[in-house]
Amino acid sequence: MTKPDQETFWSQRYRDAGEDYLFGVAPNRFLEAHRHLFDSGATALSVADGEGRNSVWLAEQGLAVTALEISPVALEKARRLAVGRGVAVDFVQADILTSPWPPAVHDFVVGIFIQFVGPQERGIQFARLKQAVKPGGLILLHGYTPKQLEYKTGGPSAVENLYTEDLLRAAFADFEIVTLDEYEDELTEGRGHRGRSAVIDLVARRPIIV
């Protein structure tokens, strides 16, 4: 999809949820399971952040958080969530494929279910994730594997948008892979992600060049 198409598509999905949050207000389970990594005062970038469930939770852990999201409808709901939880997040409307990102300034870069692009644009997407994280910092990436097409409980319908261990290992070969784990889980993330799901986790550290 083009930028206007993506913005329109996602805004309509979030608008259709009404006062509810399409993917709920609790953080993604993979992210929450890595709470021990997040030092208070560190910086984090949450990309394609949606309605704020992950960025707001990161802010609650004491991080200075910037959240990028293309949909103004999602951003409005995310700001309400942040106010209700009593935290500050720098919410920015941006197309993560075309908007400029400041290089190498974040301790953590988080991508939760950002599989709305195919192989060509995914290369750009991954390069920008790598660009944004400091040397020694971590990328946390969580998504669906091709087996998810059997479950149909969320995620894209295009198999080429989904992740495999081989794909992620090759894409992040220039980083230290801390965690790469493929498994099945029961997701309860609003009405957008609900039921048995085939997922994959990546935690990768940007090398420190000395």
Protein backbone atom coordinates (compact mmCIF):
# COMPACT_ATOMS: atom_id res chain seq x y z
CA MET A 1 0.00 0.00 0.00
CA THR A 2 1.03 3.62 -0.52
CA LYS A 3 1.29 5.94 2.47
CA PRO A 4 -2.25 7.40 2.00
CA ASP A 5 -3.61 3.86 1.62
CA GLN A 6 -1.88 2.67 4.80
CA GLU A 7 -3.05 5.70 6.74
CA THR A 8 -6.63 5.28 5.54
CA PHE A 9 -6.67 1.52 6.12
CA TRP A 10 -5.34 1.66 9.67
CA SER A 11 -7.35 4.70 10.66
CA GLN A 12 -10.52 2.94 9.59
CA ARG A 13 -9.63 -0.17 11.56
CA TYR A 14 -8.97 1.84 14.70
CA ARG A 15 -12.08 3.96 14.14
CA ASP A 16 -14.23 0.84 13.72
CA ALA A 17 -13.17 -0.27 17.20
CA GLY A 18 -15.03 2.72 18.63
CA GLU A 19 -14.08 3.50 22.22
CA ASP A 20 -12.45 0.07 22.52
CA TYR A 21 -8.81 -0.52 21.68
CA LEU A 22 -8.40 -2.85 18.70
CA PHE A 23 -5.45 -4.71 20.23
CA GLY A 24 -6.31 -4.00 23.86
CA VAL A 25 -4.48 -1.78 26.33
CA ALA A 26 -2.17 -4.37 27.92
CA PRO A 27 1.39 -4.62 26.57
CA ASN A 28 2.37 -7.38 24.21
CA ARG A 29 3.37 -10.48 26.18
CA PHE A 30 6.77 -10.78 24.51
CA LEU A 31 7.58 -7.20 25.45
CA GLU A 32 6.39 -7.65 29.03
CA ALA A 33 8.44 -10.83 29.39
CA HIS A 34 11.57 -8.75 28.73
CA ARG A 35 10.83 -6.22 31.48
CA HIS A 36 14.20 -7.06 33.05
CA LEU A 37 16.02 -5.47 30.12
CA PHE A 38 14.51 -2.03 30.50
CA ASP A 39 16.55 0.29 32.69
CA SER A 40 14.74 3.34 34.03
CA GLY A 41 16.00 6.42 32.22
CA ALA A 42 16.87 4.56 29.02
CA THR A 43 15.40 5.62 25.68
CA ALA A 44 13.05 3.54 23.55
CA LEU A 45 11.49 3.87 20.11
CA SER A 46 8.26 1.97 19.43
CA VAL A 47 7.57 1.77 15.69
CA ALA A 48 4.10 1.41 14.16
CA ASP A 49 2.92 1.73 17.75
CA GLY A 50 -0.84 1.71 17.09
CA GLU A 51 -3.05 2.83 19.97
CA GLY A 52 -0.23 3.06 22.48
CA ARG A 53 -0.42 -0.13 24.52
CA ASN A 54 3.30 -0.86 24.16
CA SER A 55 4.74 2.65 24.28
CA VAL A 56 2.66 3.57 27.32
CA TRP A 57 3.79 0.42 29.13
CA LEU A 58 7.43 1.21 28.31
CA ALA A 59 6.96 4.70 29.75
CA GLU A 60 5.52 3.11 32.89
CA GLN A 61 8.84 1.26 33.26
CA GLY A 62 10.60 4.63 33.48
CA LEU A 63 11.84 4.84 29.90
CA ALA A 64 11.85 7.97 27.75
CA VAL A 65 9.69 6.76 24.85
CA THR A 66 9.08 7.98 21.31
CA ALA A 67 6.25 6.27 19.43
CA LEU A 68 5.86 6.39 15.64
CA GLU A 69 2.44 5.70 14.11
CA ILE A 70 0.92 6.54 10.73
CA SER A 71 -2.74 6.74 11.84
CA PRO A 72 -3.96 9.96 13.49
CA VAL A 73 -6.93 8.01 14.87
CA ALA A 74 -4.59 5.60 16.65
CA LEU A 75 -2.47 8.47 17.95
CA GLU A 76 -5.48 10.21 19.46
CA LYS A 77 -6.40 7.03 21.33
CA ALA A 78 -2.78 6.48 22.37
CA ARG A 79 -2.58 9.98 23.85
CA ARG A 80 -5.74 9.32 25.84
CA LEU A 81 -4.25 6.09 27.15
CA ALA A 82 -1.04 7.84 28.20
CA VAL A 83 -2.95 10.58 30.02
CA GLY A 84 -5.11 7.98 31.77
CA ARG A 85 -2.02 6.09 32.91
CA GLY A 86 -0.22 9.25 34.01
CA VAL A 87 2.83 8.92 31.73
CA ALA A 88 4.41 10.99 28.98
CA VAL A 89 5.18 9.58 25.52
CA ASP A 90 6.42 11.55 22.52
CA PHE A 91 3.83 10.47 19.94
CA VAL A 92 4.81 11.24 16.34
CA GLN A 93 2.70 10.72 13.23
CA ALA A 94 5.07 9.18 10.71
CA ASP A 95 5.36 6.67 7.92
CA ILE A 96 8.19 4.52 9.21
CA LEU A 97 9.37 3.77 5.65
CA THR A 98 9.73 7.36 4.48
CA SER A 99 9.89 9.73 7.46
CA PRO A 100 13.40 10.62 8.70
CA TRP A 101 14.63 8.91 11.87
CA PRO A 102 17.43 10.26 14.04
CA PRO A 103 20.31 7.77 13.81
CA ALA A 104 21.73 5.73 16.70
CA VAL A 105 19.96 7.52 19.55
CA HIS A 106 17.82 4.85 21.22
CA ASP A 107 18.78 2.18 23.74
CA PHE A 108 15.82 0.04 22.60
CA VAL A 109 13.93 -0.15 19.32
CA VAL A 110 10.70 -2.12 19.51
CA GLY A 111 8.70 -3.56 16.60
CA ILE A 112 5.60 -5.51 17.61
CA PHE A 113 3.60 -7.02 14.72
CA ILE A 114 4.93 -4.63 12.08
CA GLN A 115 4.40 -7.09 9.22
CA PHE A 116 2.39 -4.82 6.92
CA VAL A 117 5.14 -4.76 4.25
CA GLY A 118 6.49 -7.27 1.76
CA PRO A 119 10.12 -8.36 1.23
CA GLN A 120 11.32 -5.26 -0.64
CA GLU A 121 9.99 -2.73 1.88
CA ARG A 122 10.93 -5.01 4.78
CA GLY A 123 14.58 -4.46 3.89
CA ILE A 124 14.06 -0.72 4.30
CA GLN A 125 12.10 -1.28 7.51
CA PHE A 126 14.80 -3.46 9.09
CA ALA A 127 17.57 -1.09 8.00
CA ARG A 128 15.78 1.75 9.77
CA LEU A 129 15.37 -0.28 12.95
CA LYS A 130 19.10 -0.95 12.92
CA GLN A 131 19.90 2.67 12.17
CA ALA A 132 17.86 3.95 15.11
CA VAL A 133 19.46 1.84 17.86
CA LYS A 134 22.65 2.85 19.67
CA PRO A 135 25.76 0.65 19.54
CA GLY A 136 25.21 -1.83 22.35
CA GLY A 137 21.45 -1.24 22.23
CA LEU A 138 18.75 -3.80 21.52
CA ILE A 139 16.13 -4.36 18.86
CA LEU A 140 13.10 -6.31 20.07
CA LEU A 141 11.02 -7.71 17.21
CA HIS A 142 7.91 -9.88 17.54
CA GLY A 143 5.77 -11.23 14.72
CA TYR A 144 3.94 -14.09 13.09
CA THR A 145 5.40 -17.09 11.25
CA PRO A 146 3.88 -18.63 8.10
CA LYS A 147 2.03 -21.21 10.21
CA GLN A 148 -0.17 -18.33 11.40
CA LEU A 149 -2.03 -18.58 8.09
CA GLU A 150 -3.52 -21.86 9.38
CA TYR A 151 -4.85 -20.21 12.54
CA LYS A 152 -6.19 -16.96 11.04
CA THR A 153 -6.29 -15.30 14.47
CA GLY A 154 -4.60 -12.07 13.39
CA GLY A 155 -1.86 -10.73 11.19
CA PRO A 156 -1.40 -10.38 7.43
CA SER A 157 -2.78 -12.85 4.92
CA ALA A 158 0.32 -12.63 2.67
CA VAL A 159 2.85 -15.34 3.48
CA GLU A 160 5.72 -13.21 2.16
CA ASN A 161 5.11 -10.71 4.99
CA LEU A 162 5.68 -13.32 7.70
CA TYR A 163 8.93 -14.17 9.50
CA THR A 164 10.95 -17.36 9.71
CA GLU A 165 14.04 -18.06 11.81
CA ASP A 166 16.19 -18.23 8.66
CA LEU A 167 14.82 -14.90 7.42
CA LEU A 168 15.53 -13.08 10.69
CA ARG A 169 18.91 -14.74 11.20
CA ALA A 170 20.00 -13.56 7.75
CA ALA A 171 18.47 -10.09 8.10
CA PHE A 172 20.25 -9.48 11.44
CA ALA A 173 23.50 -11.29 10.66
CA ASP A 174 25.38 -8.05 11.35
CA PHE A 175 23.93 -7.90 14.89
CA GLU A 176 24.47 -10.19 17.89
CA ILE A 177 21.37 -12.37 18.09
CA VAL A 178 20.51 -12.67 21.77
CA THR A 179 17.16 -14.45 21.35
CA LEU A 180 15.53 -16.07 18.32
CA ASP A 181 12.59 -18.22 19.33
CA GLU A 182 9.68 -19.61 17.29
CA TYR A 183 6.67 -21.02 19.16
CA GLU A 184 2.88 -21.11 19.51
CA ASP A 185 0.85 -19.17 22.05
CA GLU A 186 -2.69 -18.16 22.97
CA LEU A 187 -3.02 -14.44 22.32
CA THR A 188 -5.64 -12.25 23.95
CA GLU A 189 -4.85 -8.81 22.56
CA GLY A 190 -8.18 -7.10 22.09
CA ARG A 191 -10.25 -8.35 19.21
CA GLY A 192 -7.40 -7.88 16.74
CA HIS A 193 -5.23 -10.75 18.01
CA ARG A 194 -7.16 -13.49 19.73
CA GLY A 195 -6.61 -17.26 19.79
CA ARG A 196 -3.95 -19.81 18.99
CA SER A 197 -1.10 -18.10 17.17
CA ALA A 198 2.26 -18.97 15.61
CA VAL A 199 4.78 -16.33 16.63
CA ILE A 200 8.49 -15.60 16.65
CA ASP A 201 10.68 -13.44 18.90
CA LEU A 202 13.95 -11.70 18.10
CA VAL A 203 16.21 -9.79 20.43
CA ALA A 204 19.32 -8.50 18.66
CA ARG A 205 22.14 -6.26 19.91
CA ARG A 206 23.91 -3.71 17.76
CA PRO A 207 27.65 -4.32 17.99
CA ILE A 208 29.95 -1.78 19.62
CA ILE A 209 32.74 -0.98 17.19
CA VAL A 210 36.00 -0.10 18.94
